[in-house]
């Protein structure tokens, strides 16, 4: 069993290491995962927006609008992706899809990709 020491004053801290509100902005999100037994790397990327919608909670807070979120969640669950993602205040999913798919040869799902 892993044990570690935490000072008594730290027990009173709530909300984690970060605290604040993420401003409204464009949003690119993604996840990279490995299937070690098959020896493959898979990813998904997509875009949406961070909004100014009210939210009352602790930690680093943000509200995201992701088009067709249920479709994305179906893909995430059906293909065994972990639920945490990386996010960035940009619109760069096309670039990531190209880099991961064409340049690195990974299997990439681009959620709601723009028509080319």
N, C-alpha and C. Protein backbone atom coordinates (compact mmCIF):
# COMPACT_ATOMS: atom_id res chain seq x y z
N UNK A 1 0.85 -1.18 0.00
CA UNK A 1 0.00 0.00 0.00
C UNK A 1 0.90 1.24 0.00
N UNK A 2 0.57 2.19 -0.87
CA UNK A 2 1.31 3.45 -0.94
C UNK A 2 0.81 4.37 0.17
N UNK A 3 1.75 4.86 0.97
CA UNK A 3 1.40 5.81 2.02
C UNK A 3 2.24 7.06 1.84
N UNK A 4 1.65 8.19 2.12
CA UNK A 4 2.39 9.43 2.06
C UNK A 4 1.90 10.37 3.14
N UNK A 5 2.75 11.29 3.51
CA UNK A 5 2.46 12.21 4.59
C UNK A 5 1.82 13.47 4.03
N UNK A 6 0.75 13.94 4.66
CA UNK A 6 0.09 15.18 4.29
C UNK A 6 0.01 16.04 5.55
N UNK A 7 0.51 17.27 5.49
CA UNK A 7 0.45 18.12 6.70
C UNK A 7 -1.00 18.41 7.09
N UNK A 8 -1.23 18.54 8.39
CA UNK A 8 -2.58 18.73 8.91
C UNK A 8 -3.25 19.98 8.30
N UNK A 9 -2.50 21.06 8.04
CA UNK A 9 -3.10 22.27 7.48
C UNK A 9 -3.66 22.00 6.07
N UNK A 10 -3.13 21.04 5.34
CA UNK A 10 -3.58 20.76 3.98
C UNK A 10 -4.96 20.11 3.97
N UNK A 11 -5.40 19.54 5.07
CA UNK A 11 -6.72 18.91 5.12
C UNK A 11 -7.84 19.92 4.90
N UNK A 12 -7.57 21.19 5.22
CA UNK A 12 -8.59 22.22 5.09
C UNK A 12 -8.71 22.75 3.67
N UNK A 13 -7.75 22.48 2.81
CA UNK A 13 -7.77 22.99 1.45
C UNK A 13 -8.80 22.22 0.63
N UNK A 14 -9.63 22.95 -0.07
CA UNK A 14 -10.65 22.33 -0.91
C UNK A 14 -10.48 22.86 -2.34
N UNK A 15 -10.78 22.02 -3.33
CA UNK A 15 -10.83 22.50 -4.70
C UNK A 15 -9.64 22.13 -5.55
N UNK A 16 -8.62 21.54 -5.01
CA UNK A 16 -7.49 21.12 -5.83
C UNK A 16 -6.44 22.20 -5.99
N UNK A 17 -5.53 21.96 -6.91
CA UNK A 17 -4.38 22.84 -7.09
C UNK A 17 -4.74 24.11 -7.84
N UNK A 18 -5.79 24.09 -8.66
CA UNK A 18 -6.17 25.25 -9.45
C UNK A 18 -7.52 25.78 -9.01
N UNK A 19 -7.70 27.09 -9.10
CA UNK A 19 -8.98 27.69 -8.77
C UNK A 19 -9.19 28.89 -9.66
N UNK A 20 -10.31 28.94 -10.34
CA UNK A 20 -10.62 30.08 -11.20
C UNK A 20 -11.60 29.70 -12.28
N UNK A 21 -11.98 30.68 -13.05
CA UNK A 21 -12.96 30.50 -14.13
C UNK A 21 -12.24 30.61 -15.47
N UNK A 22 -12.45 29.63 -16.33
CA UNK A 22 -11.89 29.66 -17.67
C UNK A 22 -12.76 30.58 -18.53
N UNK A 23 -12.17 31.56 -19.21
CA UNK A 23 -12.98 32.50 -20.00
C UNK A 23 -13.56 31.84 -21.26
N UNK A 24 -14.61 32.45 -21.79
CA UNK A 24 -15.20 31.99 -23.05
C UNK A 24 -14.17 32.09 -24.16
N UNK A 25 -14.12 31.05 -25.01
CA UNK A 25 -13.14 31.02 -26.09
C UNK A 25 -13.43 29.84 -26.99
N UNK A 26 -12.75 29.78 -28.15
CA UNK A 26 -12.83 28.55 -28.94
C UNK A 26 -12.24 27.40 -28.14
N UNK A 27 -12.60 26.18 -28.50
CA UNK A 27 -12.14 25.01 -27.77
C UNK A 27 -11.74 23.90 -28.73
N UNK A 28 -10.54 23.38 -28.57
CA UNK A 28 -10.13 22.14 -29.22
C UNK A 28 -9.86 21.14 -28.11
N UNK A 29 -10.37 19.92 -28.27
CA UNK A 29 -10.16 18.89 -27.26
C UNK A 29 -9.69 17.62 -27.95
N UNK A 30 -9.10 16.75 -27.18
CA UNK A 30 -8.66 15.48 -27.75
C UNK A 30 -8.20 14.50 -26.70
N UNK A 31 -8.01 13.29 -27.15
CA UNK A 31 -7.52 12.22 -26.28
C UNK A 31 -6.67 11.27 -27.12
N UNK A 32 -5.55 10.86 -26.58
CA UNK A 32 -4.69 9.86 -27.20
C UNK A 32 -4.63 8.67 -26.24
N UNK A 33 -4.76 7.47 -26.77
CA UNK A 33 -4.70 6.28 -25.94
C UNK A 33 -3.96 5.18 -26.69
N UNK A 34 -3.52 4.20 -25.96
CA UNK A 34 -2.83 3.07 -26.58
C UNK A 34 -3.60 1.79 -26.33
N UNK A 35 -3.51 0.89 -27.28
CA UNK A 35 -3.98 -0.47 -27.11
C UNK A 35 -2.70 -1.32 -27.12
N UNK A 36 -2.17 -1.59 -25.94
CA UNK A 36 -0.87 -2.24 -25.83
C UNK A 36 -0.86 -3.65 -26.41
N UNK A 37 -1.96 -4.38 -26.25
CA UNK A 37 -1.97 -5.75 -26.77
C UNK A 37 -2.01 -5.78 -28.29
N UNK A 38 -2.64 -4.78 -28.91
CA UNK A 38 -2.69 -4.71 -30.38
C UNK A 38 -1.53 -3.89 -30.94
N UNK A 39 -0.84 -3.15 -30.09
CA UNK A 39 0.29 -2.34 -30.54
C UNK A 39 -0.11 -1.14 -31.38
N UNK A 40 -1.24 -0.51 -31.06
CA UNK A 40 -1.70 0.65 -31.83
C UNK A 40 -1.95 1.84 -30.91
N UNK A 41 -1.86 3.02 -31.52
CA UNK A 41 -2.18 4.27 -30.85
C UNK A 41 -3.42 4.83 -31.54
N UNK A 42 -4.41 5.24 -30.75
CA UNK A 42 -5.65 5.81 -31.27
C UNK A 42 -5.87 7.17 -30.64
N UNK A 43 -6.64 8.00 -31.33
CA UNK A 43 -6.92 9.34 -30.82
C UNK A 43 -8.29 9.80 -31.29
N UNK A 44 -8.82 10.79 -30.59
CA UNK A 44 -9.96 11.54 -31.12
C UNK A 44 -9.72 13.01 -30.85
N UNK A 45 -10.23 13.85 -31.73
CA UNK A 45 -10.12 15.30 -31.60
C UNK A 45 -11.46 15.91 -31.99
N UNK A 46 -11.69 17.12 -31.55
CA UNK A 46 -12.91 17.83 -31.90
C UNK A 46 -12.82 19.28 -31.46
N UNK A 47 -13.85 20.02 -31.81
CA UNK A 47 -13.89 21.44 -31.47
C UNK A 47 -15.25 21.80 -30.90
N UNK A 48 -15.26 22.87 -30.15
CA UNK A 48 -16.48 23.42 -29.58
C UNK A 48 -16.18 24.82 -29.09
N UNK A 49 -16.86 25.23 -28.06
CA UNK A 49 -16.66 26.55 -27.47
C UNK A 49 -16.76 26.46 -25.96
N UNK A 50 -15.91 27.20 -25.27
CA UNK A 50 -16.10 27.44 -23.84
C UNK A 50 -17.02 28.64 -23.73
N UNK A 51 -18.01 28.55 -22.85
CA UNK A 51 -19.03 29.59 -22.75
C UNK A 51 -18.90 30.37 -21.44
N UNK A 52 -19.68 31.44 -21.35
CA UNK A 52 -19.77 32.22 -20.11
C UNK A 52 -20.96 31.80 -19.25
N UNK A 53 -21.55 30.64 -19.54
CA UNK A 53 -22.70 30.17 -18.76
C UNK A 53 -22.34 30.10 -17.28
N UNK A 54 -23.27 30.44 -16.39
CA UNK A 54 -22.97 30.39 -14.96
C UNK A 54 -22.74 28.95 -14.49
N UNK A 55 -21.82 28.82 -13.54
CA UNK A 55 -21.54 27.51 -12.93
C UNK A 55 -21.07 27.77 -11.51
N UNK A 56 -21.60 27.02 -10.57
CA UNK A 56 -21.26 27.21 -9.16
C UNK A 56 -20.61 25.93 -8.64
N UNK A 57 -19.30 25.91 -8.65
CA UNK A 57 -18.55 24.76 -8.13
C UNK A 57 -17.16 25.25 -7.74
N UNK A 58 -16.24 24.36 -7.51
CA UNK A 58 -14.90 24.73 -7.08
C UNK A 58 -13.87 24.25 -8.09
N UNK A 59 -12.64 24.66 -7.91
CA UNK A 59 -11.56 24.24 -8.81
C UNK A 59 -11.48 25.12 -10.04
N UNK A 60 -10.92 24.58 -11.10
CA UNK A 60 -10.83 25.28 -12.37
C UNK A 60 -12.13 25.01 -13.13
N UNK A 61 -12.97 26.04 -13.30
CA UNK A 61 -14.32 25.85 -13.81
C UNK A 61 -14.43 26.29 -15.28
N UNK A 62 -15.21 25.51 -16.03
CA UNK A 62 -15.51 25.87 -17.42
C UNK A 62 -16.79 25.17 -17.84
N UNK A 63 -17.53 25.80 -18.73
CA UNK A 63 -18.69 25.19 -19.36
C UNK A 63 -18.38 25.12 -20.84
N UNK A 64 -18.52 23.94 -21.42
CA UNK A 64 -18.21 23.75 -22.84
C UNK A 64 -19.46 23.40 -23.62
N UNK A 65 -19.53 23.92 -24.83
CA UNK A 65 -20.55 23.50 -25.78
C UNK A 65 -19.84 22.69 -26.85
N UNK A 66 -20.20 21.41 -26.94
CA UNK A 66 -19.63 20.51 -27.95
C UNK A 66 -20.79 20.05 -28.82
N UNK A 67 -20.79 20.39 -30.12
CA UNK A 67 -21.88 19.96 -31.00
C UNK A 67 -22.00 18.43 -31.00
N UNK A 68 -23.23 17.96 -30.94
CA UNK A 68 -23.53 16.52 -30.97
C UNK A 68 -22.72 15.75 -29.93
N UNK A 69 -22.78 16.23 -28.69
CA UNK A 69 -22.03 15.63 -27.58
C UNK A 69 -22.40 14.16 -27.38
N UNK A 70 -23.67 13.81 -27.51
CA UNK A 70 -24.07 12.41 -27.32
C UNK A 70 -23.37 11.50 -28.33
N UNK A 71 -23.22 11.96 -29.57
CA UNK A 71 -22.52 11.19 -30.59
C UNK A 71 -21.06 10.97 -30.18
N UNK A 72 -20.43 12.02 -29.67
CA UNK A 72 -19.04 11.91 -29.20
C UNK A 72 -18.94 10.93 -28.04
N UNK A 73 -19.84 11.05 -27.06
CA UNK A 73 -19.79 10.17 -25.90
C UNK A 73 -20.02 8.71 -26.30
N UNK A 74 -20.87 8.49 -27.29
CA UNK A 74 -21.09 7.14 -27.79
C UNK A 74 -19.78 6.58 -28.37
N UNK A 75 -19.08 7.40 -29.14
CA UNK A 75 -17.80 6.97 -29.70
C UNK A 75 -16.78 6.68 -28.59
N UNK A 76 -16.69 7.57 -27.62
CA UNK A 76 -15.75 7.41 -26.51
C UNK A 76 -16.01 6.09 -25.78
N UNK A 77 -17.27 5.83 -25.46
CA UNK A 77 -17.60 4.60 -24.71
C UNK A 77 -17.46 3.35 -25.57
N UNK A 78 -17.93 3.42 -26.79
CA UNK A 78 -17.89 2.25 -27.67
C UNK A 78 -16.46 1.81 -27.97
N UNK A 79 -15.54 2.77 -28.03
CA UNK A 79 -14.15 2.46 -28.39
C UNK A 79 -13.21 2.43 -27.19
N UNK A 80 -13.76 2.51 -25.98
CA UNK A 80 -12.97 2.31 -24.77
C UNK A 80 -11.99 3.41 -24.43
N UNK A 81 -12.28 4.64 -24.84
CA UNK A 81 -11.42 5.76 -24.48
C UNK A 81 -11.65 6.14 -23.03
N UNK A 82 -10.61 6.59 -22.36
CA UNK A 82 -10.73 7.15 -21.02
C UNK A 82 -11.46 8.50 -21.16
N UNK A 83 -12.08 8.97 -20.09
CA UNK A 83 -12.95 10.14 -20.22
C UNK A 83 -12.26 11.49 -20.08
N UNK A 84 -11.08 11.57 -19.54
CA UNK A 84 -10.39 12.87 -19.46
C UNK A 84 -9.80 13.24 -20.80
N UNK A 85 -9.81 14.53 -21.11
CA UNK A 85 -9.25 15.01 -22.38
C UNK A 85 -8.29 16.16 -22.11
N UNK A 86 -7.51 16.46 -23.12
CA UNK A 86 -6.71 17.67 -23.10
C UNK A 86 -7.53 18.73 -23.83
N UNK A 87 -7.41 19.99 -23.41
CA UNK A 87 -8.15 21.05 -24.08
C UNK A 87 -7.26 22.26 -24.28
N UNK A 88 -7.60 23.03 -25.29
CA UNK A 88 -6.83 24.22 -25.61
C UNK A 88 -7.79 25.27 -26.16
N UNK A 89 -7.52 26.53 -25.88
CA UNK A 89 -8.35 27.63 -26.37
C UNK A 89 -7.94 27.97 -27.80
N UNK A 90 -8.34 27.10 -28.74
CA UNK A 90 -7.96 27.28 -30.14
C UNK A 90 -8.96 26.54 -31.03
N UNK A 91 -8.76 26.63 -32.33
CA UNK A 91 -9.52 25.85 -33.30
C UNK A 91 -8.51 25.10 -34.17
N UNK A 92 -7.97 24.02 -33.62
CA UNK A 92 -6.86 23.33 -34.28
C UNK A 92 -7.08 21.83 -34.48
N UNK A 93 -8.32 21.36 -34.41
CA UNK A 93 -8.58 19.93 -34.56
C UNK A 93 -8.15 19.41 -35.93
N UNK A 94 -8.35 20.20 -37.00
CA UNK A 94 -7.93 19.76 -38.34
C UNK A 94 -6.43 19.50 -38.39
N UNK A 95 -5.66 20.38 -37.79
CA UNK A 95 -4.20 20.24 -37.78
C UNK A 95 -3.79 19.00 -36.99
N UNK A 96 -4.43 18.80 -35.84
CA UNK A 96 -4.11 17.63 -35.02
C UNK A 96 -4.47 16.34 -35.74
N UNK A 97 -5.64 16.31 -36.39
CA UNK A 97 -6.05 15.12 -37.13
C UNK A 97 -5.02 14.80 -38.23
N UNK A 98 -4.58 15.81 -38.93
CA UNK A 98 -3.59 15.60 -39.99
C UNK A 98 -2.26 15.10 -39.42
N UNK A 99 -1.80 15.72 -38.35
CA UNK A 99 -0.52 15.31 -37.75
C UNK A 99 -0.58 13.90 -37.19
N UNK A 100 -1.64 13.59 -36.46
CA UNK A 100 -1.76 12.26 -35.86
C UNK A 100 -2.02 11.19 -36.91
N UNK A 101 -2.91 11.48 -37.84
CA UNK A 101 -3.32 10.48 -38.82
C UNK A 101 -2.34 10.30 -39.96
N UNK A 102 -2.08 11.38 -40.70
CA UNK A 102 -1.21 11.29 -41.87
C UNK A 102 0.26 11.15 -41.49
N UNK A 103 0.71 12.01 -40.59
CA UNK A 103 2.14 12.05 -40.28
C UNK A 103 2.58 10.91 -39.36
N UNK A 104 1.76 10.57 -38.36
CA UNK A 104 2.14 9.53 -37.40
C UNK A 104 1.48 8.17 -37.68
N UNK A 105 0.47 8.16 -38.53
CA UNK A 105 -0.18 6.90 -38.88
C UNK A 105 -1.13 6.36 -37.83
N UNK A 106 -1.61 7.19 -36.93
CA UNK A 106 -2.54 6.76 -35.90
C UNK A 106 -3.96 6.72 -36.44
N UNK A 107 -4.81 5.92 -35.82
CA UNK A 107 -6.24 5.90 -36.11
C UNK A 107 -6.87 7.08 -35.38
N UNK A 108 -7.46 8.03 -36.12
CA UNK A 108 -7.98 9.26 -35.52
C UNK A 108 -9.46 9.45 -35.89
N UNK A 109 -10.29 9.66 -34.87
CA UNK A 109 -11.68 10.05 -35.07
C UNK A 109 -11.75 11.55 -34.88
N UNK A 110 -12.22 12.27 -35.92
CA UNK A 110 -12.39 13.71 -35.83
C UNK A 110 -13.88 13.98 -35.66
N UNK A 111 -14.28 14.33 -34.46
CA UNK A 111 -15.69 14.56 -34.15
C UNK A 111 -16.20 15.78 -34.90
N UNK A 112 -17.25 15.57 -35.68
CA UNK A 112 -17.91 16.64 -36.42
C UNK A 112 -16.93 17.44 -37.27
N UNK A 113 -16.10 16.73 -38.02
CA UNK A 113 -15.12 17.38 -38.90
C UNK A 113 -15.84 18.24 -39.93
N UNK A 114 -15.21 19.36 -40.28
CA UNK A 114 -15.75 20.22 -41.32
C UNK A 114 -15.59 19.51 -42.67
N UNK A 115 -16.52 19.79 -43.57
CA UNK A 115 -16.43 19.22 -44.92
C UNK A 115 -15.19 19.76 -45.62
N UNK A 116 -14.52 18.89 -46.33
CA UNK A 116 -13.30 19.32 -47.03
C UNK A 116 -13.55 19.54 -48.49
